[in-house]
C-alpha atoms as a PDB file:
ATOM      1  CA  MET A   1     -18.509  54.702  54.117  1.00  0.00           C
ATOM      2  CA  LYS A   2     -19.106  55.111  50.420  1.00  0.00           C
ATOM      3  CA  SER A   3     -15.650  53.844  49.680  1.00  0.00           C
ATOM      4  CA  SER A   4     -16.152  50.528  51.556  1.00  0.00           C
ATOM      5  CA  THR A   5     -19.591  50.070  49.937  1.00  0.00           C
ATOM      6  CA  GLN A   6     -18.082  50.582  46.475  1.00  0.00           C
ATOM      7  CA  SER A   7     -15.241  48.241  47.325  1.00  0.00           C
ATOM      8  CA  MET A   8     -17.637  45.458  48.390  1.00  0.00           C
ATOM      9  CA  LEU A   9     -19.788  46.002  45.258  1.00  0.00           C
ATOM     10  CA  SER A  10     -16.645  45.761  43.141  1.00  0.00           C
ATOM     11  CA  VAL A  11     -15.483  42.520  44.773  1.00  0.00           C
ATOM     12  CA  LYS A  12     -19.040  41.088  44.518  1.00  0.00           C
ATOM     13  CA  SER A  13     -19.118  42.023  40.781  1.00  0.00           C
ATOM     14  CA  ASN A  14     -15.728  40.425  40.135  1.00  0.00           C
ATOM     15  CA  LEU A  15     -16.772  37.313  41.918  1.00  0.00           C
ATOM     16  CA  ASN A  16     -19.969  37.032  39.814  1.00  0.00           C
ATOM     17  CA  LYS A  17     -17.907  37.474  36.634  1.00  0.00           C
ATOM     18  CA  LEU A  18     -15.514  34.742  37.758  1.00  0.00           C
ATOM     19  CA  ILE A  19     -18.337  32.334  38.548  1.00  0.00           C
ATOM     20  CA  PHE A  20     -19.956  33.122  35.237  1.00  0.00           C
ATOM     21  CA  LEU A  21     -16.686  32.413  33.346  1.00  0.00           C
ATOM     22  CA  VAL A  22     -16.127  29.075  35.190  1.00  0.00           C
ATOM     23  CA  PHE A  23     -19.705  28.085  34.390  1.00  0.00           C
ATOM     24  CA  ILE A  24     -19.314  28.920  30.683  1.00  0.00           C
ATOM     25  CA  SER A  25     -15.949  27.082  30.486  1.00  0.00           C
ATOM     26  CA  PHE A  26     -17.545  24.039  32.081  1.00  0.00           C
ATOM     27  CA  LEU A  27     -20.386  24.101  29.553  1.00  0.00           C
ATOM     28  CA  LEU A  28     -18.023  24.450  26.588  1.00  0.00           C
ATOM     29  CA  PHE A  29     -15.768  21.602  27.767  1.00  0.00           C
ATOM     30  CA  SER A  30     -18.816  19.307  28.386  1.00  0.00           C
ATOM     31  CA  CYS A  31     -20.207  19.995  24.982  1.00  0.00           C
ATOM     32  CA  HIS A  32     -16.861  19.503  23.292  1.00  0.00           C
ATOM     33  CA  LYS A  33     -16.276  16.134  25.074  1.00  0.00           C
ATOM     34  CA  ASP A  34     -19.568  14.684  23.679  1.00  0.00           C
ATOM     35  CA  LYS A  35     -18.627  15.547  20.104  1.00  0.00           C
ATOM     36  CA  VAL A  36     -15.127  14.071  20.283  1.00  0.00           C
ATOM     37  CA  ASN A  37     -16.262  10.466  21.036  1.00  0.00           C
ATOM     38  CA  PRO A  38     -19.758   9.955  19.924  1.00  0.00           C
ATOM     39  CA  GLU A  39     -20.873   6.438  20.665  1.00  0.00           C
ATOM     40  CA  ILE A  40     -23.392   4.949  18.261  1.00  0.00           C
ATOM     41  CA  GLU A  41     -25.408   2.588  20.363  1.00  0.00           C
ATOM     42  CA  GLY A  42     -25.254  -1.002  19.074  1.00  0.00           C
ATOM     43  CA  VAL A  43     -22.972  -0.025  16.144  1.00  0.00           C
ATOM     44  CA  THR A  44     -19.538   1.128  17.387  1.00  0.00           C
ATOM     45  CA  GLY A  45     -17.184  -0.997  19.350  1.00  0.00           C
ATOM     46  CA  PHE A  46     -18.028  -4.277  17.688  1.00  0.00           C
ATOM     47  CA  LYS A  47     -16.281  -6.572  15.194  1.00  0.00           C
ATOM     48  CA  TRP A  48     -18.588  -6.900  12.225  1.00  0.00           C
ATOM     49  CA  GLN A  49     -18.214  -9.604   9.548  1.00  0.00           C
ATOM     50  CA  VAL A  50     -18.296  -8.377   5.934  1.00  0.00           C
ATOM     51  CA  TYR A  51     -21.136 -10.330   4.331  1.00  0.00           C
ATOM     52  CA  SER A  52     -21.519  -9.059   0.776  1.00  0.00           C
ATOM     53  CA  VAL A  53     -20.517  -6.323  -1.664  1.00  0.00           C
ATOM     54  CA  GLN A  54     -22.177  -5.417  -4.899  1.00  0.00           C
ATOM     55  CA  GLU A  55     -21.440  -2.591  -7.279  1.00  0.00           C
ATOM     56  CA  VAL A  56     -24.304  -0.946  -9.225  1.00  0.00           C
ATOM     57  CA  ASN A  57     -23.499  -2.665 -12.533  1.00  0.00           C
ATOM     58  CA  ASP A  58     -22.955  -6.165 -10.984  1.00  0.00           C
ATOM     59  CA  TYR A  59     -25.563  -8.744 -11.741  1.00  0.00           C
ATOM     60  CA  TYR A  60     -24.602 -10.965  -8.812  1.00  0.00           C
ATOM     61  CA  ILE A  61     -23.418 -10.647  -5.215  1.00  0.00           C
ATOM     62  CA  ASN A  62     -19.706 -11.135  -4.843  1.00  0.00           C
ATOM     63  CA  PRO A  63     -18.675 -13.934  -2.468  1.00  0.00           C
ATOM     64  CA  ILE A  64     -16.737 -12.670   0.533  1.00  0.00           C
ATOM     65  CA  PRO A  65     -13.951 -14.574   2.396  1.00  0.00           C
ATOM     66  CA  THR A  66     -15.186 -15.423   5.877  1.00  0.00           C
ATOM     67  CA  ASP A  67     -12.291 -13.740   7.605  1.00  0.00           C
ATOM     68  CA  TRP A  68     -13.078 -10.142   6.452  1.00  0.00           C
ATOM     69  CA  GLN A  69     -13.974  -7.861   9.322  1.00  0.00           C
ATOM     70  CA  PHE A  70     -15.137  -4.320   9.762  1.00  0.00           C
ATOM     71  CA  ASN A  71     -14.920  -1.970  12.827  1.00  0.00           C
ATOM     72  CA  LEU A  72     -16.527   1.406  13.485  1.00  0.00           C
ATOM     73  CA  ASN A  73     -14.880   3.074  16.406  1.00  0.00           C
ATOM     74  CA  ASN A  74     -16.178   5.779  18.758  1.00  0.00           C
ATOM     75  CA  ASP A  75     -13.376   8.163  17.645  1.00  0.00           C
ATOM     76  CA  GLN A  76     -14.965   8.194  14.185  1.00  0.00           C
ATOM     77  CA  SER A  77     -12.292   5.939  12.676  1.00  0.00           C
ATOM     78  CA  PHE A  78     -13.036   2.688  10.793  1.00  0.00           C
ATOM     79  CA  SER A  79     -10.981  -0.276   9.743  1.00  0.00           C
ATOM     80  CA  PHE A  80     -11.343  -3.325   7.538  1.00  0.00           C
ATOM     81  CA  LYS A  81      -9.327  -6.479   8.102  1.00  0.00           C
ATOM     82  CA  LEU A  82      -9.332  -8.206   4.739  1.00  0.00           C
ATOM     83  CA  GLY A  83      -7.441 -11.431   5.506  1.00  0.00           C
ATOM     84  CA  SER A  84      -3.957 -10.246   6.390  1.00  0.00           C
ATOM     85  CA  SER A  85      -4.469  -6.776   4.864  1.00  0.00           C
ATOM     86  CA  VAL A  86      -5.655  -3.788   6.937  1.00  0.00           C
ATOM     87  CA  CYS A  87      -7.517  -0.710   5.602  1.00  0.00           C
ATOM     88  CA  SER A  88      -8.518   2.279   7.555  1.00  0.00           C
ATOM     89  CA  GLY A  89      -9.928   5.809   7.506  1.00  0.00           C
ATOM     90  CA  THR A  90     -12.464   8.058   9.155  1.00  0.00           C
ATOM     91  CA  TYR A  91     -16.173   8.384   8.902  1.00  0.00           C
ATOM     92  CA  SER A  92     -19.005  10.819   9.765  1.00  0.00           C
ATOM     93  CA  TRP A  93     -22.335   9.512  11.076  1.00  0.00           C
ATOM     94  CA  THR A  94     -25.509  11.516  11.273  1.00  0.00           C
ATOM     95  CA  ALA A  95     -28.546   9.625  12.586  1.00  0.00           C
ATOM     96  CA  ILE A  96     -31.764  10.108  10.645  1.00  0.00           C
ATOM     97  CA  ASP A  97     -33.774   7.946  13.018  1.00  0.00           C
ATOM     98  CA  THR A  98     -33.242   4.766  15.068  1.00  0.00           C
ATOM     99  CA  VAL A  99     -32.761   2.598  11.965  1.00  0.00           C
ATOM    100  CA  SER A 100     -30.888   4.718   9.486  1.00  0.00           C
ATOM    101  CA  ALA A 101     -28.152   7.328   9.145  1.00  0.00           C
ATOM    102  CA  ASN A 102     -26.239   9.457   6.740  1.00  0.00           C
ATOM    103  CA  VAL A 103     -22.687   8.158   6.536  1.00  0.00           C
ATOM    104  CA  ILE A 104     -19.536   9.227   4.717  1.00  0.00           C
ATOM    105  CA  PHE A 105     -16.283   7.288   4.693  1.00  0.00           C
ATOM    106  CA  THR A 106     -12.843   8.770   3.940  1.00  0.00           C
ATOM    107  CA  ILE A 107     -10.190   6.099   3.183  1.00  0.00           C
ATOM    108  CA  LYS A 108      -6.762   6.943   4.554  1.00  0.00           C
ATOM    109  CA  GLU A 109      -5.096   3.591   3.768  1.00  0.00           C
ATOM    110  CA  TRP A 110      -6.240   0.756   1.509  1.00  0.00           C
ATOM    111  CA  ASN A 111      -4.312  -2.538   1.033  1.00  0.00           C
ATOM    112  CA  ASN A 112      -5.873  -5.117  -1.289  1.00  0.00           C
ATOM    113  CA  PRO A 113      -5.401  -8.598  -0.034  1.00  0.00           C
ATOM    114  CA  LEU A 114      -3.893 -11.296  -2.269  1.00  0.00           C
ATOM    115  CA  GLN A 115      -7.015 -13.384  -1.909  1.00  0.00           C
ATOM    116  CA  SER A 116     -10.100 -11.815  -3.543  1.00  0.00           C
ATOM    117  CA  ALA A 117      -8.247  -8.655  -4.636  1.00  0.00           C
ATOM    118  CA  GLY A 118     -11.001  -7.849  -7.253  1.00  0.00           C
ATOM    119  CA  THR A 119     -13.772  -8.076  -4.599  1.00  0.00           C
ATOM    120  CA  ALA A 120     -11.645  -5.857  -2.270  1.00  0.00           C
ATOM    121  CA  SER A 121     -11.349  -3.257  -5.074  1.00  0.00           C
ATOM    122  CA  LYS A 122     -15.122  -3.296  -5.492  1.00  0.00           C
ATOM    123  CA  LEU A 123     -15.531  -2.855  -1.739  1.00  0.00           C
ATOM    124  CA  LYS A 124     -13.221   0.113  -1.907  1.00  0.00           C
ATOM    125  CA  ASN A 125     -15.266   1.709  -4.723  1.00  0.00           C
ATOM    126  CA  VAL A 126     -18.516   1.150  -2.858  1.00  0.00           C
ATOM    127  CA  VAL A 127     -17.122   2.438   0.527  1.00  0.00           C
ATOM    128  CA  GLN A 128     -15.942   5.660  -1.149  1.00  0.00           C
ATOM    129  CA  ALA A 129     -19.489   6.323  -2.468  1.00  0.00           C
ATOM    130  CA  VAL A 130     -21.488   5.385   0.651  1.00  0.00           C
ATOM    131  CA  ASN A 131     -23.971   7.969   1.901  1.00  0.00           C
ATOM    132  CA  LYS A 132     -26.559   5.898   3.873  1.00  0.00           C
ATOM    133  CA  CYS A 133     -26.591   3.070   6.458  1.00  0.00           C
ATOM    134  CA  TYR A 134     -29.651   1.034   7.383  1.00  0.00           C
ATOM    135  CA  ILE A 135     -29.670  -0.985  10.597  1.00  0.00           C
ATOM    136  CA  TYR A 136     -31.568  -4.288  10.710  1.00  0.00           C
ATOM    137  CA  LYS A 137     -32.066  -6.299  13.904  1.00  0.00           C
ATOM    138  CA  TYR A 138     -33.189  -9.865  14.351  1.00  0.00           C
ATOM    139  CA  PRO A 139     -35.693 -11.133  13.187  1.00  0.00           C
ATOM    140  CA  PHE A 140     -34.776 -10.120   9.650  1.00  0.00           C
ATOM    141  CA  LEU A 141     -37.765  -9.620   7.362  1.00  0.00           C
ATOM    142  CA  GLY A 142     -37.381  -9.320   3.623  1.00  0.00           C
ATOM    143  CA  GLN A 143     -33.619  -8.685   3.639  1.00  0.00           C
ATOM    144  CA  TYR A 144     -31.537  -9.431   0.545  1.00  0.00           C
ATOM    145  CA  PRO A 145     -29.190 -11.098   0.808  1.00  0.00           C
ATOM    146  CA  GLY A 146     -30.396 -13.096   3.798  1.00  0.00           C
ATOM    147  CA  PRO A 147     -27.920 -13.044   6.766  1.00  0.00           C
ATOM    148  CA  PRO A 148     -26.371 -16.115   8.234  1.00  0.00           C
ATOM    149  CA  PHE A 149     -28.415 -17.868  10.967  1.00  0.00           C
ATOM    150  CA  SER A 150     -25.960 -16.687  13.679  1.00  0.00           C
ATOM    151  CA  ALA A 151     -26.449 -12.921  12.856  1.00  0.00           C
ATOM    152  CA  THR A 152     -28.133 -10.728  15.402  1.00  0.00           C
ATOM    153  CA  MET A 153     -27.796  -7.416  13.595  1.00  0.00           C
ATOM    154  CA  ILE A 154     -26.934  -6.219  10.022  1.00  0.00           C
ATOM    155  CA  LEU A 155     -25.737  -2.890   8.714  1.00  0.00           C
ATOM    156  CA  GLN A 156     -26.368  -2.174   5.029  1.00  0.00           C
ATOM    157  CA  PHE A 157     -24.314   0.613   3.596  1.00  0.00           C
ATOM    158  CA  LYS A 158     -25.552   2.151   0.316  1.00  0.00           C
ATOM    159  CA  GLY A 159     -24.193   4.637  -2.128  1.00  0.00           C
ATOM    160  CA  SER A 160     -24.142   5.648  -5.686  1.00  0.00           C
ATOM    161  CA  ALA A 161     -21.588   2.903  -6.581  1.00  0.00           C
ATOM    162  CA  GLY A 162     -23.502   0.091  -4.858  1.00  0.00           C
ATOM    163  CA  PHE A 163     -23.799  -1.478  -1.314  1.00  0.00           C
ATOM    164  CA  PHE A 164     -22.178  -3.706   1.209  1.00  0.00           C
ATOM    165  CA  TYR A 165     -23.544  -5.577   4.230  1.00  0.00           C
ATOM    166  CA  VAL A 166     -21.863  -6.355   7.526  1.00  0.00           C
ATOM    167  CA  TYR A 167     -23.273  -8.487  10.293  1.00  0.00           C
ATOM    168  CA  ARG A 168     -22.578  -9.503  13.930  1.00  0.00           C
END
């Protein structure tokens, strides 16, 4: 009788261990999945227009060609389309609150366009030094530079080398 009771307790103990391991594995997989593709609500998955770039020592805002675009992707990659040139890399985003975040860009590939190559070089310098992003939604109050009338949202990226704005 003792033998069958011990056998049943052993089976029950092993079953509990198996259930515990499955539960822990499920939790680890679920947590890992969230970190792989973090969606930044209202920010990732959109085509943004590059609006302005200004280095710290510039006394004016550099004009931007109207076909320059910027994308932040859920997989923590980013890209710029500067005319026919494409630039890309990765980024990290740590939200501070609903309207600001700490951001760091790592450029993997940078191709200056033929048109506005000097401005593209300034943009590259600023992007490499960015550490903050500020999110502005319509209506825009006291923003400099003022966004185009069609804009519904602006991201301002700032760092030690200057800042750049994008809008959608």
